[in-house]
Amino acid sequence: MANAHAVDLALLVFRVAIGAVFLAHGINHIFGGGKIAGTGRWFESLGMKPGWFHAWTASITEIGAGALLVLGLLTSVGGAGVVGVMVVAWITNHRTNGFFICRPGEGWEYVMVLTMSGFLLATVGPGGWSLDNAAGLTTLWGWKGLVIAAVGGLGGSAGLLLTFWRPPAKSRA
């Protein structure tokens, strides 16, 4: 039983940390720096058109997924939100900048870790100290959770990119 409590504590700390990162990013996109209008312009510069739509979509997804992870409620859906947002970020902004986040343009190590964290939480679940567990929603973990993260996260990001992403043309040097 002591090991089960250690796992529950570790999953609580991990999912709250990942959830808090997502909450902070979503809130910052709406209220920080250039606010949602600036976030929209940034999305436009990445080729996500219309930028205002993607700024809102990403921000609401980050806030929603973050809140679900913090609460441990519908954890596989929260994990899918993390996967979806991070795959879009990986492809549109980070993939050509190398591995390390400290490289110019920001590499993809950070978004890779968050993507895999979304898959992990969707698959393993939030642990015993969660609203999922209290509500008896434990059947949404394991293979079902992995499928939810893959279809919701990867499928959603693929659909979004195929439909809306128009990367800026490379300038000839």
N, C-alpha and C. Protein backbone atom coordinates (compact mmCIF):
# COMPACT_ATOMS: atom_id res chain seq x y z
N MET A 1 0.84 -1.20 0.00
CA MET A 1 0.00 0.00 0.00
C MET A 1 0.87 1.25 0.00
N ALA A 2 2.02 1.19 0.65
CA ALA A 2 2.91 2.36 0.69
C ALA A 2 3.40 2.72 -0.71
N ASN A 3 3.68 1.70 -1.53
CA ASN A 3 4.12 1.97 -2.90
C ASN A 3 3.00 2.60 -3.72
N ALA A 4 1.76 2.17 -3.49
CA ALA A 4 0.63 2.75 -4.22
C ALA A 4 0.49 4.23 -3.88
N HIS A 5 0.69 4.57 -2.62
CA HIS A 5 0.61 5.99 -2.23
C HIS A 5 1.74 6.80 -2.85
N ALA A 6 2.92 6.20 -2.96
CA ALA A 6 4.05 6.89 -3.58
C ALA A 6 3.75 7.17 -5.05
N VAL A 7 3.16 6.20 -5.75
CA VAL A 7 2.80 6.38 -7.15
C VAL A 7 1.71 7.44 -7.27
N ASP A 8 0.71 7.39 -6.39
CA ASP A 8 -0.35 8.39 -6.41
C ASP A 8 0.20 9.79 -6.20
N LEU A 9 1.14 9.93 -5.26
CA LEU A 9 1.75 11.24 -5.00
C LEU A 9 2.57 11.69 -6.21
N ALA A 10 3.35 10.80 -6.78
CA ALA A 10 4.17 11.15 -7.95
C ALA A 10 3.29 11.59 -9.12
N LEU A 11 2.21 10.85 -9.38
CA LEU A 11 1.31 11.23 -10.48
C LEU A 11 0.59 12.54 -10.18
N LEU A 12 0.21 12.77 -8.93
CA LEU A 12 -0.41 14.04 -8.56
C LEU A 12 0.55 15.20 -8.85
N VAL A 13 1.78 15.09 -8.38
CA VAL A 13 2.77 16.16 -8.57
C VAL A 13 3.04 16.36 -10.07
N PHE A 14 3.21 15.26 -10.81
CA PHE A 14 3.52 15.35 -12.23
C PHE A 14 2.38 15.99 -13.02
N ARG A 15 1.15 15.51 -12.82
CA ARG A 15 0.03 16.06 -13.60
C ARG A 15 -0.29 17.48 -13.21
N VAL A 16 -0.13 17.85 -11.93
CA VAL A 16 -0.34 19.24 -11.54
C VAL A 16 0.73 20.14 -12.16
N ALA A 17 1.97 19.66 -12.22
CA ALA A 17 3.04 20.46 -12.85
C ALA A 17 2.76 20.67 -14.33
N ILE A 18 2.43 19.61 -15.05
CA ILE A 18 2.14 19.74 -16.48
C ILE A 18 0.90 20.60 -16.68
N GLY A 19 -0.13 20.36 -15.88
CA GLY A 19 -1.36 21.15 -15.97
C GLY A 19 -1.12 22.62 -15.70
N ALA A 20 -0.29 22.92 -14.70
CA ALA A 20 0.01 24.32 -14.37
C ALA A 20 0.76 25.01 -15.50
N VAL A 21 1.67 24.29 -16.15
CA VAL A 21 2.38 24.86 -17.31
C VAL A 21 1.37 25.22 -18.40
N PHE A 22 0.44 24.33 -18.65
CA PHE A 22 -0.55 24.60 -19.70
C PHE A 22 -1.50 25.73 -19.31
N LEU A 23 -1.95 25.74 -18.08
CA LEU A 23 -2.79 26.85 -17.63
C LEU A 23 -2.06 28.18 -17.80
N ALA A 24 -0.80 28.22 -17.36
CA ALA A 24 -0.02 29.46 -17.45
C ALA A 24 0.14 29.90 -18.90
N HIS A 25 0.43 28.98 -19.80
CA HIS A 25 0.60 29.35 -21.21
C HIS A 25 -0.70 29.86 -21.81
N GLY A 26 -1.80 29.19 -21.54
CA GLY A 26 -3.09 29.64 -22.08
C GLY A 26 -3.49 31.00 -21.56
N ILE A 27 -3.32 31.21 -20.26
CA ILE A 27 -3.65 32.50 -19.66
C ILE A 27 -2.73 33.58 -20.20
N ASN A 28 -1.44 33.28 -20.35
CA ASN A 28 -0.49 34.26 -20.88
C ASN A 28 -0.80 34.63 -22.32
N HIS A 29 -1.23 33.65 -23.12
CA HIS A 29 -1.58 33.97 -24.51
C HIS A 29 -2.75 34.96 -24.59
N ILE A 30 -3.65 34.88 -23.62
CA ILE A 30 -4.82 35.76 -23.64
C ILE A 30 -4.53 37.11 -23.00
N PHE A 31 -3.85 37.09 -21.84
CA PHE A 31 -3.72 38.31 -21.04
C PHE A 31 -2.31 38.89 -20.97
N GLY A 32 -1.28 38.12 -21.34
CA GLY A 32 0.09 38.60 -21.18
C GLY A 32 0.60 39.32 -22.42
N GLY A 33 1.72 39.97 -22.28
CA GLY A 33 2.42 40.59 -23.40
C GLY A 33 1.51 41.30 -24.37
N GLY A 34 1.44 40.79 -25.59
CA GLY A 34 0.61 41.38 -26.63
C GLY A 34 -0.85 40.94 -26.57
N LYS A 35 -1.20 40.24 -25.51
CA LYS A 35 -2.56 39.75 -25.31
C LYS A 35 -2.98 38.86 -26.47
N ILE A 36 -4.25 38.57 -26.58
CA ILE A 36 -4.72 37.63 -27.60
C ILE A 36 -4.48 38.17 -29.01
N ALA A 37 -4.53 39.50 -29.19
CA ALA A 37 -4.27 40.07 -30.51
C ALA A 37 -2.83 39.81 -30.94
N GLY A 38 -1.89 39.97 -30.02
CA GLY A 38 -0.49 39.69 -30.32
C GLY A 38 -0.25 38.21 -30.58
N THR A 39 -0.93 37.36 -29.80
CA THR A 39 -0.83 35.93 -30.03
C THR A 39 -1.36 35.58 -31.41
N GLY A 40 -2.45 36.23 -31.81
CA GLY A 40 -3.01 36.01 -33.14
C GLY A 40 -2.05 36.41 -34.24
N ARG A 41 -1.38 37.55 -34.06
CA ARG A 41 -0.40 37.99 -35.06
C ARG A 41 0.76 36.99 -35.14
N TRP A 42 1.18 36.46 -34.00
CA TRP A 42 2.26 35.48 -33.97
C TRP A 42 1.82 34.21 -34.71
N PHE A 43 0.60 33.75 -34.46
CA PHE A 43 0.10 32.57 -35.17
C PHE A 43 0.06 32.83 -36.67
N GLU A 44 -0.38 34.02 -37.07
CA GLU A 44 -0.37 34.38 -38.50
C GLU A 44 1.04 34.28 -39.07
N SER A 45 2.04 34.75 -38.31
CA SER A 45 3.42 34.72 -38.81
C SER A 45 3.94 33.30 -38.99
N LEU A 46 3.33 32.35 -38.27
CA LEU A 46 3.71 30.93 -38.41
C LEU A 46 2.96 30.25 -39.55
N GLY A 47 1.98 30.96 -40.12
CA GLY A 47 1.20 30.40 -41.21
C GLY A 47 -0.13 29.82 -40.78
N MET A 48 -0.50 30.01 -39.51
CA MET A 48 -1.80 29.53 -39.01
C MET A 48 -2.82 30.64 -39.24
N LYS A 49 -3.71 30.42 -40.21
CA LYS A 49 -4.64 31.48 -40.61
C LYS A 49 -6.08 31.00 -40.48
N PRO A 50 -6.95 31.81 -39.96
CA PRO A 50 -6.72 33.15 -39.40
C PRO A 50 -6.10 33.08 -38.01
N GLY A 51 -5.14 33.94 -37.77
CA GLY A 51 -4.38 33.93 -36.54
C GLY A 51 -5.22 34.09 -35.28
N TRP A 52 -6.21 34.99 -35.34
CA TRP A 52 -7.04 35.22 -34.14
C TRP A 52 -7.78 33.94 -33.74
N PHE A 53 -8.22 33.16 -34.72
CA PHE A 53 -8.94 31.91 -34.45
C PHE A 53 -8.02 30.91 -33.76
N HIS A 54 -6.80 30.77 -34.26
CA HIS A 54 -5.87 29.81 -33.69
C HIS A 54 -5.33 30.26 -32.35
N ALA A 55 -5.22 31.56 -32.16
CA ALA A 55 -4.83 32.07 -30.85
C ALA A 55 -5.87 31.67 -29.79
N TRP A 56 -7.13 31.87 -30.12
CA TRP A 56 -8.19 31.48 -29.19
C TRP A 56 -8.27 29.96 -29.03
N THR A 57 -8.18 29.23 -30.13
CA THR A 57 -8.27 27.77 -30.06
C THR A 57 -7.16 27.19 -29.20
N ALA A 58 -5.93 27.62 -29.44
CA ALA A 58 -4.80 27.11 -28.66
C ALA A 58 -4.92 27.52 -27.20
N SER A 59 -5.28 28.77 -26.95
CA SER A 59 -5.36 29.27 -25.57
C SER A 59 -6.44 28.54 -24.77
N ILE A 60 -7.61 28.36 -25.36
CA ILE A 60 -8.70 27.66 -24.67
C ILE A 60 -8.34 26.19 -24.46
N THR A 61 -7.70 25.58 -25.44
CA THR A 61 -7.27 24.18 -25.30
C THR A 61 -6.24 24.06 -24.18
N GLU A 62 -5.28 24.99 -24.13
CA GLU A 62 -4.27 24.95 -23.06
C GLU A 62 -4.91 25.12 -21.69
N ILE A 63 -5.83 26.05 -21.57
CA ILE A 63 -6.50 26.27 -20.28
C ILE A 63 -7.34 25.05 -19.90
N GLY A 64 -8.11 24.55 -20.86
CA GLY A 64 -8.95 23.38 -20.59
C GLY A 64 -8.15 22.15 -20.23
N ALA A 65 -7.14 21.83 -21.04
CA ALA A 65 -6.30 20.67 -20.78
C ALA A 65 -5.56 20.82 -19.45
N GLY A 66 -5.06 22.03 -19.20
CA GLY A 66 -4.36 22.27 -17.94
C GLY A 66 -5.26 22.06 -16.74
N ALA A 67 -6.47 22.59 -16.81
CA ALA A 67 -7.42 22.43 -15.69
C ALA A 67 -7.78 20.96 -15.50
N LEU A 68 -8.03 20.23 -16.59
CA LEU A 68 -8.36 18.81 -16.46
C LEU A 68 -7.22 18.04 -15.80
N LEU A 69 -5.98 18.35 -16.18
CA LEU A 69 -4.84 17.64 -15.58
C LEU A 69 -4.67 17.99 -14.11
N VAL A 70 -4.80 19.26 -13.77
CA VAL A 70 -4.67 19.65 -12.36
C VAL A 70 -5.70 18.92 -11.51
N LEU A 71 -6.93 18.83 -12.01
CA LEU A 71 -8.00 18.17 -11.26
C LEU A 71 -7.93 16.65 -11.35
N GLY A 72 -7.25 16.15 -12.35
CA GLY A 72 -7.26 14.71 -12.58
C GLY A 72 -8.63 14.26 -13.03
N LEU A 73 -9.26 15.05 -13.87
CA LEU A 73 -10.60 14.79 -14.39
C LEU A 73 -10.53 14.63 -15.91
N LEU A 74 -11.09 13.54 -16.41
CA LEU A 74 -11.00 13.24 -17.85
C LEU A 74 -9.54 13.39 -18.31
N THR A 75 -8.68 12.76 -17.57
CA THR A 75 -7.23 12.92 -17.77
C THR A 75 -6.79 12.57 -19.17
N SER A 76 -7.38 11.55 -19.77
CA SER A 76 -6.98 11.20 -21.14
C SER A 76 -7.36 12.30 -22.12
N VAL A 77 -8.46 13.00 -21.88
CA VAL A 77 -8.85 14.13 -22.73
C VAL A 77 -7.87 15.29 -22.52
N GLY A 78 -7.50 15.55 -21.27
CA GLY A 78 -6.48 16.58 -20.99
C GLY A 78 -5.16 16.23 -21.65
N GLY A 79 -4.78 14.95 -21.59
CA GLY A 79 -3.55 14.51 -22.25
C GLY A 79 -3.62 14.71 -23.75
N ALA A 80 -4.78 14.42 -24.34
CA ALA A 80 -4.96 14.63 -25.78
C ALA A 80 -4.81 16.11 -26.13
N GLY A 81 -5.33 17.01 -25.27
CA GLY A 81 -5.16 18.45 -25.50
C GLY A 81 -3.70 18.85 -25.50
N VAL A 82 -2.94 18.30 -24.56
CA VAL A 82 -1.51 18.58 -24.49
C VAL A 82 -0.82 18.08 -25.76
N VAL A 83 -1.11 16.86 -26.16
CA VAL A 83 -0.50 16.29 -27.36
C VAL A 83 -0.83 17.15 -28.58
N GLY A 84 -2.09 17.50 -28.74
CA GLY A 84 -2.51 18.27 -29.91
C GLY A 84 -1.84 19.62 -30.02
N VAL A 85 -1.84 20.37 -28.92
CA VAL A 85 -1.22 21.71 -28.94
C VAL A 85 0.28 21.61 -29.18
N MET A 86 0.92 20.65 -28.53
CA MET A 86 2.38 20.55 -28.66
C MET A 86 2.81 20.03 -30.03
N VAL A 87 2.04 19.15 -30.63
CA VAL A 87 2.40 18.69 -31.98
C VAL A 87 2.31 19.85 -32.97
N VAL A 88 1.27 20.66 -32.85
CA VAL A 88 1.16 21.83 -33.73
C VAL A 88 2.33 22.78 -33.49
N ALA A 89 2.68 23.03 -32.24
CA ALA A 89 3.83 23.90 -31.93
C ALA A 89 5.12 23.31 -32.47
N TRP A 90 5.28 22.02 -32.32
CA TRP A 90 6.47 21.31 -32.79
C TRP A 90 6.63 21.51 -34.29
N ILE A 91 5.56 21.29 -35.04
CA ILE A 91 5.64 21.35 -36.50
C ILE A 91 5.73 22.78 -37.01
N THR A 92 4.94 23.68 -36.48
CA THR A 92 4.89 25.04 -37.03
C THR A 92 6.03 25.93 -36.58
N ASN A 93 6.59 25.66 -35.39
CA ASN A 93 7.54 26.63 -34.84
C ASN A 93 8.89 26.04 -34.45
N HIS A 94 8.97 24.78 -34.08
CA HIS A 94 10.20 24.27 -33.46
C HIS A 94 10.97 23.24 -34.27
N ARG A 95 10.35 22.56 -35.21
CA ARG A 95 10.96 21.39 -35.83
C ARG A 95 12.26 21.66 -36.57
N THR A 96 12.42 22.83 -37.14
CA THR A 96 13.63 23.10 -37.93
C THR A 96 14.74 23.77 -37.12
N ASN A 97 14.53 23.92 -35.83
CA ASN A 97 15.49 24.67 -35.00
C ASN A 97 16.44 23.78 -34.21
N GLY A 98 16.49 22.50 -34.51
CA GLY A 98 17.36 21.59 -33.77
C GLY A 98 16.70 21.13 -32.48
N PHE A 99 17.43 20.36 -31.72
CA PHE A 99 16.90 19.73 -30.52
C PHE A 99 16.78 20.69 -29.34
N PHE A 100 17.83 21.43 -29.04
CA PHE A 100 17.91 22.17 -27.79
C PHE A 100 17.08 23.45 -27.81
N ILE A 101 16.30 23.66 -26.75
CA ILE A 101 15.45 24.85 -26.62
C ILE A 101 16.27 26.13 -26.58
N CYS A 102 17.53 26.03 -26.16
CA CYS A 102 18.37 27.23 -26.05
C CYS A 102 18.95 27.66 -27.40
N ARG A 103 18.71 26.90 -28.46
CA ARG A 103 19.18 27.27 -29.80
C ARG A 103 18.36 28.44 -30.33
N PRO A 104 18.90 29.18 -31.27
CA PRO A 104 18.11 30.26 -31.88
C PRO A 104 16.81 29.71 -32.48
N GLY A 105 15.73 30.40 -32.23
CA GLY A 105 14.43 29.97 -32.71
C GLY A 105 13.77 28.93 -31.82
N GLU A 106 14.44 28.48 -30.80
CA GLU A 106 13.96 27.49 -29.83
C GLU A 106 13.82 26.12 -30.46
N GLY A 107 14.63 25.19 -30.00
CA GLY A 107 14.58 23.82 -30.49
C GLY A 107 13.34 23.10 -29.99
N TRP A 108 13.26 21.81 -30.28
CA TRP A 108 12.04 21.08 -30.02
C TRP A 108 12.06 20.19 -28.79
N GLU A 109 13.11 20.25 -27.96
CA GLU A 109 13.16 19.37 -26.79
C GLU A 109 12.00 19.62 -25.82
N TYR A 110 11.65 20.87 -25.58
CA TYR A 110 10.59 21.23 -24.64
C TYR A 110 9.23 20.70 -25.10
N VAL A 111 8.90 20.91 -26.37
CA VAL A 111 7.61 20.45 -26.87
C VAL A 111 7.58 18.92 -26.96
N MET A 112 8.71 18.30 -27.19
CA MET A 112 8.76 16.84 -27.20
C MET A 112 8.44 16.30 -25.81
N VAL A 113 9.04 16.87 -24.78
CA VAL A 113 8.80 16.40 -23.41
C VAL A 113 7.34 16.59 -23.03
N LEU A 114 6.77 17.74 -23.38
CA LEU A 114 5.36 17.96 -23.06
C LEU A 114 4.45 17.03 -23.86
N THR A 115 4.77 16.78 -25.13
CA THR A 115 3.98 15.85 -25.94
C THR A 115 3.98 14.47 -25.30
N MET A 116 5.15 13.97 -24.94
CA MET A 116 5.25 12.65 -24.34
C MET A 116 4.59 12.62 -22.96
N SER A 117 4.61 13.73 -22.24
CA SER A 117 3.92 13.82 -20.95
C SER A 117 2.41 13.67 -21.14
N GLY A 118 1.88 14.28 -22.19
CA GLY A 118 0.46 14.12 -22.50
C GLY A 118 0.11 12.68 -22.78
N PHE A 119 0.93 12.01 -23.59
CA PHE A 119 0.70 10.59 -23.87
C PHE A 119 0.79 9.76 -22.58
N LEU A 120 1.80 10.03 -21.77
CA LEU A 120 1.98 9.27 -20.54
C LEU A 120 0.77 9.41 -19.62
N LEU A 121 0.33 10.64 -19.37
CA LEU A 121 -0.79 10.85 -18.47
C LEU A 121 -2.09 10.26 -19.02
N ALA A 122 -2.31 10.36 -20.32
CA ALA A 122 -3.50 9.77 -20.93
C ALA A 122 -3.50 8.25 -20.78
N THR A 123 -2.33 7.65 -20.84
CA THR A 123 -2.20 6.20 -20.80
C THR A 123 -2.18 5.66 -19.37
N VAL A 124 -1.37 6.24 -18.52
CA VAL A 124 -1.21 5.76 -17.15
C VAL A 124 -2.36 6.22 -16.26
N GLY A 125 -2.91 7.38 -16.56
CA GLY A 125 -3.99 7.95 -15.76
C GLY A 125 -3.44 8.86 -14.68
N PRO A 126 -4.33 9.50 -13.93
CA PRO A 126 -3.92 10.52 -12.97
C PRO A 126 -3.54 9.97 -11.60
N GLY A 127 -3.71 8.69 -11.38
CA GLY A 127 -3.46 8.11 -10.07
C GLY A 127 -4.70 8.13 -9.20
N GLY A 128 -4.56 7.54 -8.03
CA GLY A 128 -5.69 7.40 -7.12
C GLY A 128 -6.19 8.71 -6.54
N TRP A 129 -5.33 9.69 -6.46
CA TRP A 129 -5.70 10.98 -5.87
C TRP A 129 -6.17 11.92 -6.98
N SER A 130 -7.35 11.62 -7.52
CA SER A 130 -7.86 12.37 -8.66
C SER A 130 -9.38 12.30 -8.67
N LEU A 131 -9.98 13.24 -9.40
CA LEU A 131 -11.42 13.20 -9.59
C LEU A 131 -11.84 12.05 -10.50
N ASP A 132 -10.99 11.66 -11.45
CA ASP A 132 -11.28 10.48 -12.27
C ASP A 132 -11.49 9.26 -11.39
N ASN A 133 -10.58 9.06 -10.46
CA ASN A 133 -10.66 7.91 -9.57
C ASN A 133 -11.90 8.00 -8.69
N ALA A 134 -12.16 9.17 -8.14
CA ALA A 134 -13.32 9.35 -7.26
C ALA A 134 -14.63 9.13 -8.01
N ALA A 135 -14.67 9.49 -9.29
CA ALA A 135 -15.88 9.36 -10.10
C ALA A 135 -15.98 8.00 -10.80
N GLY A 136 -14.99 7.16 -10.63
CA GLY A 136 -15.01 5.85 -11.27
C GLY A 136 -14.72 5.88 -12.75
N LEU A 137 -13.98 6.87 -13.21
CA LEU A 137 -13.66 7.01 -14.64
C LEU A 137 -12.34 6.32 -15.00
N THR A 138 -12.01 5.28 -14.28
CA THR A 138 -10.72 4.62 -14.48
C THR A 138 -10.67 3.79 -15.76
N THR A 139 -11.79 3.59 -16.43
CA THR A 139 -11.77 2.83 -17.69
C THR A 139 -11.25 3.66 -18.86
N LEU A 140 -11.00 4.95 -18.64
CA LEU A 140 -10.50 5.82 -19.71
C LEU A 140 -8.97 5.84 -19.75
N TRP A 141 -8.31 5.00 -18.98
CA TRP A 141 -6.85 4.94 -18.97
C TRP A 141 -6.39 3.72 -19.76
N GLY A 142 -5.09 3.49 -19.73
CA GLY A 142 -4.53 2.34 -20.43
C GLY A 142 -4.63 2.51 -21.93
N TRP A 143 -4.96 1.42 -22.63
CA TRP A 143 -5.03 1.47 -24.09
C TRP A 143 -6.07 2.47 -24.57
N LYS A 144 -7.21 2.55 -23.86
CA LYS A 144 -8.23 3.53 -24.26
C LYS A 144 -7.69 4.95 -24.15
N GLY A 145 -6.96 5.23 -23.09
CA GLY A 145 -6.37 6.56 -22.92
C GLY A 145 -5.35 6.87 -24.00
N LEU A 146 -4.55 5.87 -24.34
CA LEU A 146 -3.56 6.06 -25.42
C LEU A 146 -4.26 6.35 -26.74
N VAL A 147 -5.34 5.64 -27.02
CA VAL A 147 -6.10 5.87 -28.25
C VAL A 147 -6.73 7.26 -28.23
N ILE A 148 -7.28 7.67 -27.08
CA ILE A 148 -7.86 9.01 -26.97
C ILE A 148 -6.80 10.07 -27.25
N ALA A 149 -5.61 9.90 -26.68
CA ALA A 149 -4.53 10.87 -26.91
C ALA A 149 -4.08 10.86 -28.36
N ALA A 150 -4.00 9.67 -28.95
CA ALA A 150 -3.54 9.58 -30.34
C ALA A 150 -4.58 10.15 -31.30
N VAL A 151 -5.83 9.73 -31.16
CA VAL A 151 -6.87 10.21 -32.07
C VAL A 151 -7.17 11.68 -31.82
N GLY A 152 -7.37 12.05 -30.55
CA GLY A 152 -7.69 13.44 -30.23
C GLY A 152 -6.51 14.37 -30.45
N GLY A 153 -5.34 13.98 -29.96
CA GLY A 153 -4.16 14.84 -30.07
C GLY A 153 -3.53 14.83 -31.44
N LEU A 154 -3.12 13.65 -31.89
CA LEU A 154 -2.47 13.57 -33.21
C LEU A 154 -3.46 13.81 -34.33
N GLY A 155 -4.65 13.21 -34.23
CA GLY A 155 -5.67 13.41 -35.26
C GLY A 155 -6.13 14.84 -35.33
N GLY A 156 -6.36 15.45 -34.17
CA GLY A 156 -6.79 16.85 -34.14
C GLY A 156 -5.74 17.78 -34.71
N SER A 157 -4.49 17.56 -34.32
CA SER A 157 -3.42 18.43 -34.84
C SER A 157 -3.22 18.22 -36.34
N ALA A 158 -3.32 16.98 -36.80
CA ALA A 158 -3.18 16.73 -38.24
C ALA A 158 -4.30 17.42 -39.02
N GLY A 159 -5.52 17.30 -38.53
CA GLY A 159 -6.64 17.96 -39.20
C GLY A 159 -6.49 19.46 -39.22
N LEU A 160 -6.07 20.02 -38.09
CA LEU A 160 -5.87 21.47 -38.00
C LEU A 160 -4.78 21.93 -38.96
N LEU A 161 -3.65 21.23 -38.98
CA LEU A 161 -2.55 21.63 -39.85
C LEU A 161 -2.92 21.49 -41.33
N LEU A 162 -3.56 20.39 -41.68
CA LEU A 162 -3.94 20.19 -43.08
C LEU A 162 -4.96 21.22 -43.55
N THR A 163 -5.82 21.64 -42.64
CA THR A 163 -6.88 22.58 -43.00
C THR A 163 -6.44 24.03 -42.98
N PHE A 164 -5.64 24.41 -42.00
CA PHE A 164 -5.37 25.84 -41.77
C PHE A 164 -3.93 26.29 -41.92
N TRP A 165 -2.96 25.39 -41.88
CA TRP A 165 -1.56 25.83 -41.87
C TRP A 165 -1.08 26.08 -43.29
N ARG A 166 -0.67 27.29 -43.52
CA ARG A 166 -0.08 27.69 -44.79
C ARG A 166 1.26 28.36 -44.46
N PRO A 167 2.32 27.54 -44.38
CA PRO A 167 3.62 28.09 -43.98
C PRO A 167 4.07 29.20 -44.89
N PRO A 168 4.70 30.23 -44.30
CA PRO A 168 5.22 31.32 -45.14
C PRO A 168 6.25 30.77 -46.12
N ALA A 169 6.27 31.32 -47.31
CA ALA A 169 7.25 30.93 -48.32
C ALA A 169 8.64 31.29 -47.84
N LYS A 170 9.59 30.38 -48.11
CA LYS A 170 10.98 30.64 -47.75
C LYS A 170 11.52 31.74 -48.65
N SER A 171 12.21 32.70 -48.06
CA SER A 171 12.82 33.76 -48.87
C SER A 171 14.10 33.24 -49.46
N ARG A 172 14.35 33.63 -50.68
CA ARG A 172 15.58 33.19 -51.36
C ARG A 172 16.69 34.14 -51.01
N ALA A 173 17.81 33.57 -50.60
CA ALA A 173 18.95 34.39 -50.20
C ALA A 173 19.81 34.79 -51.37
